[in-house]
């Protein structure tokens, strides 16, 4: 009797001890998770408070303004110095592929100016967070860490207000909808997949040409899941679920063609990936990871590579290692992202979703959490630190920093009503379009509508002592009367083109500050007070 009572007492003691240990572990897990959630929100907030410096944003904003006031889509170059480029697959794509997000940008700007665009950033980020919460449990520390790493790696190089970013979000939503359908209960309603998928593809197709990737994913997932039906050992769907997936995917695929240029976008696809095309040769986003690192020495590339390695190591030990749907998506996005920097975020989105589900349901081991925490710390140290000075400067000078964009030069031209065609840098072209277009026409900007104009722009910046500069004949041919240039290059060296124009007797330096210079051709009407 005493022995039994002793054994019972010991058993209860062990259970209590185990329960207390579990409670301590649970409490520690909750504390870590809450801390990581707040860290993620803080990091996201830092990136959302960045200044507005993306060169493409401004011409998108101006185009949205034009669409709103004219109630139509542009069919020609509204802002460029004549002659406008001939109609082509590229120009048609650029004129009409972004109209919905351009209108949204203009709507938020109309309501709150530059601050309205910052509000739009928070709205998009908040919606993205809500979508992610439907996928994985962020109360788990490992999931929170995965999410934080994804936020850093995607936001470090891309601005939310850029239409391209909408493609990353839509791609993530597409994967969530597809895998929820694949993992759903047998006999689940077709409409639960068909309606959201179709609406997603319609919205995506009218915001950014990246919807083509969505089309490819839809087709691939149907083929992959069909392969599982033929080979049940791969883990096939029930007959009703597979039929629902096929019908929903085909309907969504058809819905994606509800946009102004469904065929033009497909025709433009080969040009996007043509690395030998002149317009892509000098575009950093078209470089491979290796080429980009060689040129820019950007350690972000190393973080991408570490993420790729982590994802495929996780895949090897995951229950999904035989799931050809996940395998195909991860392999293809990693390969394309490694070949073209602009495509890397698609892999990062897929990686975040895969790793979040992996650590949420398959691998709660302490070793995995330790790896994620180390990765998170490295990402924070390499990426987030340099954002704080930018925010401080933004608080001082406004959302559009005058030391990065020609704010005062545009003010000077607008105040003095100086007309004429404007030559400026490709990086500044979009901002000048927003401030001064379409009254003043811009010689070249980041739309890169014309291969010839791109070649002429590149040559115009070359100044060789002792030789007649190329810019003189170019400015005469295009009737350029205004030039807005930075005083210095990014490396701190004097801008040779600005120096060459300054020394030319046919031009006058009308405005200058520590960042930029404005030149006008002698003989045209001079600004008031000069």
Protein backbone atom coordinates (compact mmCIF):
# COMPACT_ATOMS: atom_id res chain seq x y z
CA UNK A 1 0.00 0.00 0.00
CA UNK A 2 2.73 2.43 0.98
CA UNK A 3 4.74 1.52 -2.08
CA UNK A 4 1.78 2.14 -4.37
CA UNK A 5 1.06 5.44 -2.67
CA UNK A 6 4.71 6.38 -3.01
CA UNK A 7 4.70 5.49 -6.70
CA UNK A 8 1.50 7.44 -7.22
CA UNK A 9 2.95 10.45 -5.44
CA UNK A 10 6.09 10.29 -7.59
CA UNK A 11 4.00 9.99 -10.78
CA UNK A 12 1.89 12.99 -9.85
CA UNK A 13 5.03 14.89 -8.95
CA UNK A 14 6.56 14.09 -12.35
CA UNK A 15 3.37 15.17 -14.12
CA UNK A 16 3.27 18.43 -12.20
CA UNK A 17 6.92 18.97 -12.97
CA UNK A 18 6.33 18.29 -16.66
CA UNK A 19 3.31 20.55 -16.65
CA UNK A 20 5.26 23.36 -15.01
CA UNK A 21 8.09 22.87 -17.46
CA UNK A 22 5.63 22.98 -20.31
CA UNK A 23 4.08 26.09 -18.85
CA UNK A 24 7.48 27.78 -18.55
CA UNK A 25 8.30 26.78 -22.10
CA UNK A 26 4.95 28.06 -23.30
CA UNK A 27 5.46 31.36 -21.50
CA UNK A 28 8.94 31.78 -22.95
CA UNK A 29 7.61 30.96 -26.39
CA UNK A 30 4.87 33.55 -26.04
CA UNK A 31 7.31 36.21 -24.84
CA UNK A 32 9.68 35.54 -27.75
CA UNK A 33 6.80 35.49 -30.24
CA UNK A 34 5.34 38.76 -28.98
CA UNK A 35 8.78 40.34 -29.10
CA UNK A 36 9.32 39.16 -32.67
CA UNK A 37 5.88 40.39 -33.72
CA UNK A 38 6.64 43.85 -32.36
CA UNK A 39 10.09 43.74 -33.98
CA UNK A 40 8.52 42.88 -37.34
CA UNK A 41 6.00 45.68 -37.02
CA UNK A 42 8.77 48.11 -36.05
CA UNK A 43 10.94 47.04 -38.99
CA UNK A 44 8.00 47.28 -41.36
CA UNK A 45 7.18 50.72 -39.97
CA UNK A 46 10.73 51.90 -40.61
CA UNK A 47 10.52 50.87 -44.27
CA UNK A 48 7.03 52.36 -44.63
CA UNK A 49 8.39 55.74 -43.53
CA UNK A 50 11.01 55.88 -46.25
CA UNK A 51 11.14 59.00 -48.43
CA UNK A 52 9.53 58.94 -51.89
CA UNK A 53 12.50 58.52 -54.18
CA UNK A 54 11.57 55.72 -56.60
CA UNK A 55 12.01 57.20 -60.11
CA UNK A 56 9.11 55.23 -61.62
CA UNK A 57 6.61 56.29 -58.98
CA UNK A 58 6.32 59.87 -60.24
CA UNK A 59 5.51 59.12 -63.87
CA UNK A 60 2.97 56.53 -62.71
CA UNK A 61 1.41 59.22 -60.51
CA UNK A 62 1.32 61.71 -63.40
CA UNK A 63 -0.22 59.13 -65.72
CA UNK A 64 -2.90 58.40 -63.11
CA UNK A 65 -3.68 62.12 -62.99
CA UNK A 66 -3.99 62.25 -66.78
CA UNK A 67 -6.24 59.16 -66.89
CA UNK A 68 -8.52 60.63 -64.21
CA UNK A 69 -8.91 63.99 -65.95
CA UNK A 70 -9.27 62.56 -69.47
CA UNK A 71 -11.32 59.46 -68.60
CA UNK A 72 -9.30 57.38 -71.07
CA UNK A 73 -6.03 55.52 -71.35
CA UNK A 74 -3.05 57.09 -73.12
CA UNK A 75 -2.17 55.74 -76.55
CA UNK A 76 0.99 57.76 -77.15
CA UNK A 77 3.83 59.37 -75.20
CA UNK A 78 2.28 62.32 -73.38
CA UNK A 79 5.41 63.60 -71.68
CA UNK A 80 8.40 62.97 -73.95
CA UNK A 81 10.28 65.37 -76.21
CA UNK A 82 9.07 64.94 -79.82
CA UNK A 83 9.32 62.97 -81.96
CA UNK A 84 7.47 60.42 -79.83
CA UNK A 85 8.52 56.79 -80.32
CA UNK A 86 6.72 54.67 -82.88
CA UNK A 87 3.96 52.45 -81.57
CA UNK A 88 5.37 49.08 -80.53
CA UNK A 89 4.64 46.17 -78.22
CA UNK A 90 6.79 47.84 -75.57
CA UNK A 91 5.14 51.27 -75.77
CA UNK A 92 1.60 49.83 -75.79
CA UNK A 93 2.46 47.78 -72.72
CA UNK A 94 3.86 50.76 -70.81
CA UNK A 95 1.01 53.11 -71.74
CA UNK A 96 -1.85 50.91 -70.57
CA UNK A 97 -0.69 48.08 -68.28
CA UNK A 98 -0.77 49.95 -64.96
CA UNK A 99 -3.91 52.09 -65.20
CA UNK A 100 -5.68 50.76 -62.08
CA UNK A 101 -2.77 51.20 -59.66
CA UNK A 102 -1.98 54.57 -61.30
CA UNK A 103 -5.51 55.74 -60.51
CA UNK A 104 -5.19 54.46 -56.94
CA UNK A 105 -1.90 56.32 -56.51
CA UNK A 106 -3.45 59.52 -57.81
CA UNK A 107 -6.54 59.07 -55.60
CA UNK A 108 -4.46 58.79 -52.43
CA UNK A 109 -2.22 61.66 -53.52
CA UNK A 110 -5.29 63.81 -54.22
CA UNK A 111 -6.56 63.17 -50.70
CA UNK A 112 -3.33 63.74 -48.83
CA UNK A 113 -0.45 64.73 -51.08
CA UNK A 114 2.79 62.85 -50.42
CA UNK A 115 1.42 61.86 -47.00
CA UNK A 116 -1.48 60.19 -48.81
CA UNK A 117 1.01 57.90 -50.56
CA UNK A 118 2.53 57.00 -47.20
CA UNK A 119 -0.98 56.13 -45.97
CA UNK A 120 -1.40 53.93 -49.05
CA UNK A 121 1.81 52.11 -48.09
CA UNK A 122 0.35 51.34 -44.66
CA UNK A 123 -2.95 50.20 -46.16
CA UNK A 124 -1.22 47.79 -48.55
CA UNK A 125 1.09 46.53 -45.79
CA UNK A 126 -1.87 46.02 -43.44
CA UNK A 127 -3.83 44.05 -46.03
CA UNK A 128 -0.74 41.91 -46.72
CA UNK A 129 -0.40 41.17 -43.01
CA UNK A 130 -4.04 40.12 -42.74
CA UNK A 131 -3.59 37.78 -45.70
CA UNK A 132 -0.49 36.25 -44.12
CA UNK A 133 -2.36 35.69 -40.85
CA UNK A 134 -4.73 33.41 -42.77
CA UNK A 135 -1.79 31.24 -43.76
CA UNK A 136 0.29 30.67 -40.62
CA UNK A 137 0.22 31.28 -36.87
CA UNK A 138 2.45 34.29 -36.16
CA UNK A 139 2.10 33.61 -32.43
CA UNK A 140 4.83 31.01 -32.94
CA UNK A 141 8.28 32.55 -32.71
CA UNK A 142 9.65 30.67 -35.71
CA UNK A 143 6.79 31.89 -37.93
CA UNK A 144 7.25 35.47 -36.70
CA UNK A 145 10.97 35.25 -37.50
CA UNK A 146 10.27 33.97 -41.01
CA UNK A 147 7.84 36.81 -41.58
CA UNK A 148 10.32 39.40 -40.27
CA UNK A 149 13.09 38.10 -42.57
CA UNK A 150 10.74 38.24 -45.55
CA UNK A 151 9.68 41.81 -44.73
CA UNK A 152 13.30 42.96 -44.59
CA UNK A 153 14.47 41.21 -47.75
CA UNK A 154 11.55 42.36 -49.87
CA UNK A 155 11.21 45.94 -48.59
CA UNK A 156 14.96 46.58 -48.59
CA UNK A 157 15.06 46.87 -52.39
CA UNK A 158 11.46 47.61 -53.41
CA UNK A 159 9.01 50.40 -52.67
CA UNK A 160 5.39 49.52 -51.95
CA UNK A 161 4.07 52.38 -54.10
CA UNK A 162 5.70 50.86 -57.16
CA UNK A 163 3.25 48.84 -59.35
CA UNK A 164 5.76 45.99 -59.44
CA UNK A 165 5.22 45.50 -55.71
CA UNK A 166 1.54 44.75 -56.34
CA UNK A 167 2.66 41.73 -58.35
CA UNK A 168 4.55 40.36 -55.35
CA UNK A 169 1.45 40.67 -53.16
CA UNK A 170 -0.86 39.18 -55.78
CA UNK A 171 1.57 36.29 -56.28
CA UNK A 172 1.46 35.52 -52.56
CA UNK A 173 -2.34 35.69 -52.47
CA UNK A 174 -2.48 33.38 -55.50
CA UNK A 175 -0.29 30.77 -53.80
CA UNK A 176 -2.38 30.94 -50.61
CA UNK A 177 -5.64 30.48 -52.55
CA UNK A 178 -4.27 27.58 -54.57
CA UNK A 179 -2.78 25.69 -51.63
CA UNK A 180 -5.83 26.26 -49.48
CA UNK A 181 -7.86 24.73 -52.31
CA UNK A 182 -5.42 21.83 -52.62
CA UNK A 183 -5.42 21.22 -48.87
CA UNK A 184 -9.20 21.75 -48.51
CA UNK A 185 -11.78 19.20 -47.49
CA UNK A 186 -13.21 16.87 -50.12
CA UNK A 187 -16.35 18.24 -51.71
CA UNK A 188 -15.64 21.83 -50.68
CA UNK A 189 -17.59 24.42 -52.66
CA UNK A 190 -16.13 25.35 -56.03
CA UNK A 191 -17.09 29.01 -55.54
CA UNK A 192 -14.79 29.38 -52.52
CA UNK A 193 -11.86 29.05 -54.91
CA UNK A 194 -13.24 30.22 -58.24
CA UNK A 195 -14.53 33.65 -57.18
CA UNK A 196 -11.47 34.92 -55.23
CA UNK A 197 -9.04 33.51 -57.81
CA UNK A 198 -10.88 35.17 -60.70
CA UNK A 199 -11.19 38.51 -58.91
CA UNK A 200 -7.51 38.38 -57.99
CA UNK A 201 -6.43 37.80 -61.59
CA UNK A 202 -8.66 40.61 -62.93
CA UNK A 203 -7.22 43.09 -60.43
CA UNK A 204 -3.66 41.89 -60.99
CA UNK A 205 -3.95 42.04 -64.79
CA UNK A 206 -4.95 45.72 -64.64
CA UNK A 207 -2.20 46.76 -62.24
CA UNK A 208 0.99 45.15 -63.48
CA UNK A 209 2.20 42.90 -66.28
CA UNK A 210 3.53 40.42 -63.73
CA UNK A 211 0.12 38.74 -63.88
CA UNK A 212 1.71 36.58 -66.58
CA UNK A 213 3.56 34.84 -63.75
CA UNK A 214 0.18 34.21 -62.15
CA UNK A 215 -1.04 32.67 -65.38
CA UNK A 216 2.00 30.39 -65.47
CA UNK A 217 1.43 29.32 -61.85
CA UNK A 218 -2.21 28.49 -62.51
CA UNK A 219 -1.29 26.33 -65.50
CA UNK A 220 1.57 24.64 -63.68
CA UNK A 221 -0.50 23.84 -60.57
CA UNK A 222 -3.22 22.19 -62.66
CA UNK A 223 -0.59 20.10 -64.49
CA UNK A 224 1.22 19.19 -61.25
CA UNK A 225 -1.95 18.21 -59.40
CA UNK A 226 -3.06 16.28 -62.49
CA UNK A 227 0.22 14.38 -62.35
CA UNK A 228 -0.57 13.45 -58.76
CA UNK A 229 -3.94 12.06 -59.85
CA UNK A 230 -2.16 9.87 -62.40
CA UNK A 231 0.43 8.81 -59.79
CA UNK A 232 -1.42 8.63 -56.45
CA UNK A 233 1.79 7.86 -54.57
CA UNK A 234 2.60 11.56 -54.90
CA UNK A 235 -0.43 12.37 -52.77
CA UNK A 236 -3.34 13.14 -55.08
CA UNK A 237 -6.45 15.22 -54.49
CA UNK A 238 -9.92 13.76 -54.36
CA UNK A 239 -11.72 13.75 -57.69
CA UNK A 240 -14.09 16.58 -56.70
CA UNK A 241 -11.28 18.77 -55.35
CA UNK A 242 -9.22 18.30 -58.48
CA UNK A 243 -12.17 19.15 -60.71
CA UNK A 244 -12.80 22.28 -58.64
CA UNK A 245 -9.16 23.29 -58.96
CA UNK A 246 -9.20 22.82 -62.73
CA UNK A 247 -12.43 24.77 -63.23
CA UNK A 248 -11.38 27.57 -60.85
CA UNK A 249 -7.92 27.85 -62.42
CA UNK A 250 -9.22 27.93 -66.00
CA UNK A 251 -11.83 30.52 -65.06
CA UNK A 252 -9.18 32.66 -63.34
CA UNK A 253 -6.93 32.25 -66.36
CA UNK A 254 -9.71 33.52 -68.61
CA UNK A 255 -10.43 36.38 -66.19
CA UNK A 256 -6.81 37.52 -66.42
CA UNK A 257 -7.41 38.50 -70.05
CA UNK A 258 -9.91 41.15 -68.95
CA UNK A 259 -7.46 44.03 -69.37
CA UNK A 260 -6.68 46.63 -72.06
CA UNK A 261 -3.87 44.68 -73.73
CA UNK A 262 -4.13 40.93 -73.04
CA UNK A 263 -2.25 39.89 -76.16
CA UNK A 264 0.30 42.74 -76.14
CA UNK A 265 1.51 41.64 -72.69
CA UNK A 266 2.18 38.13 -73.94
CA UNK A 267 4.01 39.51 -76.98
CA UNK A 268 6.15 41.71 -74.75
CA UNK A 269 7.27 38.82 -72.56
CA UNK A 270 10.30 37.80 -74.73
CA UNK A 271 11.62 41.38 -74.59
CA UNK A 272 11.53 41.40 -70.79
CA UNK A 273 13.94 38.47 -70.53
CA UNK A 274 16.14 39.37 -73.51
CA UNK A 275 19.45 40.10 -71.78
CA UNK A 276 21.01 41.19 -75.10
CA UNK A 277 18.44 43.92 -75.66
CA UNK A 278 20.03 47.36 -75.31
CA UNK A 279 17.43 48.58 -72.82
CA UNK A 280 18.17 45.63 -70.52
CA UNK A 281 21.95 45.71 -70.69
CA UNK A 282 22.30 48.71 -68.37
CA UNK A 283 19.35 47.81 -66.15
CA UNK A 284 20.57 46.46 -62.82
CA UNK A 285 17.28 44.65 -62.28
CA UNK A 286 17.92 42.50 -65.35
CA UNK A 287 21.29 41.25 -64.09
CA UNK A 288 21.81 37.88 -62.46
CA UNK A 289 22.65 37.70 -58.77
CA UNK A 290 26.30 37.07 -59.58
CA UNK A 291 26.53 39.93 -62.12
CA UNK A 292 24.71 42.32 -59.81
CA UNK A 293 27.02 41.52 -56.91
CA UNK A 294 30.10 41.99 -59.09
CA UNK A 295 28.88 45.41 -60.19
CA UNK A 296 27.21 46.76 -57.03
CA UNK A 297 28.97 44.82 -54.25
CA UNK A 298 25.59 44.66 -52.54
CA UNK A 299 25.59 42.22 -49.61
CA UNK A 300 21.84 41.79 -50.08
CA UNK A 301 22.76 39.19 -52.69
CA UNK A 302 24.45 37.07 -50.02
CA UNK A 303 21.32 37.23 -47.88
CA UNK A 304 19.26 36.06 -50.84
CA UNK A 305 21.61 33.12 -51.35
CA UNK A 306 21.38 32.16 -47.67
CA UNK A 307 17.60 32.22 -47.93
CA UNK A 308 17.70 30.00 -51.02
CA UNK A 309 19.91 27.49 -49.20
CA UNK A 310 17.67 27.51 -46.12
CA UNK A 311 14.51 26.95 -48.18
CA UNK A 312 15.87 23.96 -50.04
CA UNK A 313 17.38 22.44 -46.91
CA UNK A 314 13.95 22.73 -45.31
CA UNK A 315 12.36 21.21 -48.41
CA UNK A 316 14.66 18.17 -48.21
CA UNK A 317 13.48 17.28 -44.68
CA UNK A 318 9.90 18.46 -45.14
CA UNK A 319 6.83 16.33 -45.75
CA UNK A 320 6.53 18.39 -48.94
CA UNK A 321 9.76 16.98 -50.42
CA UNK A 322 7.68 14.82 -52.79
CA UNK A 323 5.08 17.51 -53.46
CA UNK A 324 5.80 18.43 -57.08
CA UNK A 325 3.58 21.51 -56.83
CA UNK A 326 5.69 23.13 -54.11
CA UNK A 327 8.93 21.83 -55.63
CA UNK A 328 8.17 23.33 -59.05
CA UNK A 329 7.19 26.73 -57.66
CA UNK A 330 10.24 27.02 -55.42
CA UNK A 331 12.72 25.75 -58.01
CA UNK A 332 11.37 27.89 -60.86
CA UNK A 333 11.11 31.11 -58.86
CA UNK A 334 14.58 30.59 -57.38
CA UNK A 335 16.09 29.96 -60.82
CA UNK A 336 14.38 32.92 -62.50
CA UNK A 337 15.18 35.17 -59.53
CA UNK A 338 18.84 34.18 -59.66
CA UNK A 339 18.93 35.02 -63.37
CA UNK A 340 17.02 38.32 -63.10
CA UNK A 341 17.18 40.40 -59.94
CA UNK A 342 13.75 41.91 -60.53
CA UNK A 343 12.20 38.44 -60.20
CA UNK A 344 13.85 37.53 -56.89
CA UNK A 345 10.94 38.85 -54.74
CA UNK A 346 8.66 36.23 -56.28
CA UNK A 347 10.92 33.56 -54.84
CA UNK A 348 11.08 35.40 -51.51
CA UNK A 349 7.28 35.45 -51.29
CA UNK A 350 7.08 31.73 -52.03
CA UNK A 351 9.93 31.11 -49.57
CA UNK A 352 8.17 32.99 -46.75
CA UNK A 353 4.95 31.03 -47.28
CA UNK A 354 6.76 27.69 -47.47
CA UNK A 355 9.01 28.29 -44.46
CA UNK A 356 6.17 29.70 -42.37
CA UNK A 357 4.08 26.59 -42.93
CA UNK A 358 7.13 24.34 -42.44
CA UNK A 359 8.06 25.81 -39.07
CA UNK A 360 4.42 26.18 -38.08
CA UNK A 361 3.39 22.56 -38.54
CA UNK A 362 6.47 20.43 -39.15
CA UNK A 363 9.63 21.63 -37.49
CA UNK A 364 9.27 23.27 -34.10
CA UNK A 365 12.75 22.18 -32.99
CA UNK A 366 14.91 24.64 -31.07
CA UNK A 367 17.71 24.26 -33.64
CA UNK A 368 15.45 25.63 -36.39
CA UNK A 369 14.39 28.59 -34.28
CA UNK A 370 18.02 29.37 -33.48
CA UNK A 371 18.91 29.39 -37.19
CA UNK A 372 16.03 31.75 -37.94
CA UNK A 373 16.96 34.12 -35.11
CA UNK A 374 20.56 34.28 -36.33
CA UNK A 375 19.32 34.99 -39.86
CA UNK A 376 17.00 37.68 -38.55
CA UNK A 377 19.78 39.38 -36.59
CA UNK A 378 22.07 39.35 -39.64
CA UNK A 379 19.33 40.80 -41.85
CA UNK A 380 18.59 43.55 -39.31
CA UNK A 381 22.26 44.48 -38.95
CA UNK A 382 22.93 44.59 -42.70
CA UNK A 383 19.71 46.22 -43.87
CA UNK A 384 17.78 48.21 -41.31
CA UNK A 385 20.47 50.41 -39.78
CA UNK A 386 20.87 52.74 -42.76
CA UNK A 387 17.11 53.40 -42.89
CA UNK A 388 17.03 55.40 -39.65
CA UNK A 389 19.13 58.35 -40.95
CA UNK A 390 16.83 58.52 -44.00
CA UNK A 391 13.78 58.75 -41.77
CA UNK A 392 15.38 61.50 -39.69
CA UNK A 393 16.18 63.42 -42.87
CA UNK A 394 12.63 62.86 -44.12
CA UNK A 395 11.22 64.30 -40.91
CA UNK A 396 13.38 67.37 -41.49
CA UNK A 397 12.98 67.96 -45.23
CA UNK A 398 9.73 66.21 -46.20
CA UNK A 399 8.73 63.05 -48.03
CA UNK A 400 10.55 64.10 -51.21
CA UNK A 401 14.19 64.74 -50.28
CA UNK A 402 15.70 67.77 -52.09
CA UNK A 403 19.15 66.21 -51.92
CA UNK A 404 18.03 63.26 -54.08
CA UNK A 405 15.47 64.81 -56.43
CA UNK A 406 15.50 68.24 -58.17
CA UNK A 407 12.80 69.78 -55.98
CA UNK A 408 14.21 73.31 -55.96
CA UNK A 409 15.08 73.21 -59.66
CA UNK A 410 11.48 72.24 -60.50
CA UNK A 411 10.24 75.01 -58.18
CA UNK A 412 12.46 77.51 -59.99
CA UNK A 413 11.25 76.47 -63.45
CA UNK A 414 7.59 76.43 -62.40
CA UNK A 415 7.77 79.77 -60.54
CA UNK A 416 9.40 81.50 -63.51
CA UNK A 417 7.19 79.73 -66.10
CA UNK A 418 10.18 78.64 -68.15
CA UNK A 419 8.95 76.68 -71.14
CA UNK A 420 10.77 74.35 -73.46
CA UNK A 421 12.05 70.82 -73.79
CA UNK A 422 14.00 69.57 -70.76
CA UNK A 423 17.05 67.36 -70.62
CA UNK A 424 17.71 65.75 -67.24
CA UNK A 425 18.95 62.44 -65.85
CA UNK A 426 16.96 59.25 -66.32
CA UNK A 427 16.60 59.05 -62.53
CA UNK A 428 15.13 62.56 -62.37
CA UNK A 429 13.00 62.30 -65.49
CA UNK A 430 9.94 60.84 -63.74
CA UNK A 431 9.94 63.56 -61.09
CA UNK A 432 10.20 66.29 -63.72
CA UNK A 433 7.28 64.70 -65.57
CA UNK A 434 5.20 64.89 -62.39
CA UNK A 435 6.16 68.50 -61.60
CA UNK A 436 6.31 70.05 -65.08
CA UNK A 437 4.66 67.74 -67.60
CA UNK A 438 3.03 67.69 -70.01
CA UNK A 439 3.73 71.43 -70.56
CA UNK A 440 7.49 70.85 -70.50
CA UNK A 441 8.51 67.78 -72.44
CA UNK A 442 11.22 65.52 -70.99
CA UNK A 443 13.96 64.15 -73.24
CA UNK A 444 14.39 60.84 -71.41
CA UNK A 445 13.11 59.11 -68.29
CA UNK A 446 12.91 55.69 -66.65
CA UNK A 447 10.09 54.54 -68.92
CA UNK A 448 12.82 53.95 -71.56
CA UNK A 449 10.25 53.97 -74.35
CA UNK A 450 12.75 54.17 -77.20
CA UNK A 451 15.93 52.19 -77.79
CA UNK A 452 17.29 55.01 -79.94
CA UNK A 453 16.58 57.60 -77.24
CA UNK A 454 18.30 55.38 -74.66
CA UNK A 455 21.41 55.15 -76.85
CA UNK A 456 21.40 58.91 -77.43
CA UNK A 457 21.00 59.57 -73.71
CA UNK A 458 23.92 57.31 -72.81
CA UNK A 459 26.16 59.04 -75.36
CA UNK A 460 25.11 62.52 -74.31
CA UNK A 461 26.68 61.98 -70.89
CA UNK A 462 30.10 61.18 -72.38
CA UNK A 463 32.40 64.21 -72.38
CA UNK A 464 35.90 63.80 -73.80
CA UNK A 465 38.33 66.77 -73.49
CA UNK A 466 39.42 68.07 -76.88
CA UNK A 467 36.43 66.70 -78.79
CA UNK A 468 33.13 68.35 -79.67
CA UNK A 469 30.66 66.93 -77.12
CA UNK A 470 27.85 64.78 -78.44
CA UNK A 471 25.27 66.69 -76.41
CA UNK A 472 25.59 69.87 -78.51
CA UNK A 473 24.24 68.30 -81.69
CA UNK A 474 21.71 66.25 -79.74
CA UNK A 475 20.23 69.27 -77.96
CA UNK A 476 20.00 71.13 -81.28
CA UNK A 477 18.26 68.22 -82.97
CA UNK A 478 15.66 67.84 -80.20
CA UNK A 479 15.32 71.60 -79.50
CA UNK A 480 16.35 71.18 -75.87
CA UNK A 481 16.24 74.60 -74.19
CA UNK A 482 16.40 73.60 -70.53
CA UNK A 483 18.86 71.32 -68.75
CA UNK A 484 18.57 70.15 -65.13
CA UNK A 485 21.55 68.21 -63.83
CA UNK A 486 23.13 67.22 -60.50
CA UNK A 487 26.33 68.98 -59.54
CA UNK A 488 27.98 65.70 -58.61
CA UNK A 489 27.76 62.06 -59.55
CA UNK A 490 26.82 59.38 -57.02
CA UNK A 491 30.50 58.75 -56.29
CA UNK A 492 31.08 62.42 -55.38
CA UNK A 493 32.90 63.33 -58.59
CA UNK A 494 31.83 66.48 -60.47
CA UNK A 495 29.22 65.92 -63.18
CA UNK A 496 31.20 66.28 -66.41
CA UNK A 497 28.14 67.04 -68.52
CA UNK A 498 27.12 69.87 -66.19
CA UNK A 499 30.67 71.25 -66.32
CA UNK A 500 30.70 71.06 -70.12
CA UNK A 501 27.40 72.94 -70.44
CA UNK A 502 28.51 75.50 -67.86
CA UNK A 503 31.62 76.27 -69.93
CA UNK A 504 29.68 76.57 -73.19
CA UNK A 505 28.99 80.20 -74.28
CA UNK A 506 25.62 79.24 -75.74
CA UNK A 507 24.16 78.32 -72.35
CA UNK A 508 23.44 80.21 -69.12
CA UNK A 509 23.46 78.82 -65.61
CA UNK A 510 20.24 80.33 -64.18
CA UNK A 511 19.97 78.41 -60.92
CA UNK A 512 22.30 76.40 -58.75
CA UNK A 513 22.45 75.04 -55.23
CA UNK A 514 24.66 72.46 -53.59
CA UNK A 515 22.83 69.59 -55.33
CA UNK A 516 21.57 70.68 -58.76
CA UNK A 517 21.95 73.18 -61.60
CA UNK A 518 19.54 74.64 -64.17
CA UNK A 519 20.79 75.81 -67.57
CA UNK A 520 18.88 77.66 -70.28
CA UNK A 521 19.88 78.19 -73.87
CA UNK A 522 20.92 81.77 -74.55
CA UNK A 523 18.47 83.62 -76.74
CA UNK A 524 15.31 82.20 -75.22
CA UNK A 525 13.21 84.17 -72.75
CA UNK A 526 15.07 84.54 -69.47
CA UNK A 527 13.46 83.87 -66.08
CA UNK A 528 11.99 86.84 -64.26
CA UNK A 529 14.52 88.73 -62.16
CA UNK A 530 17.58 87.39 -63.96
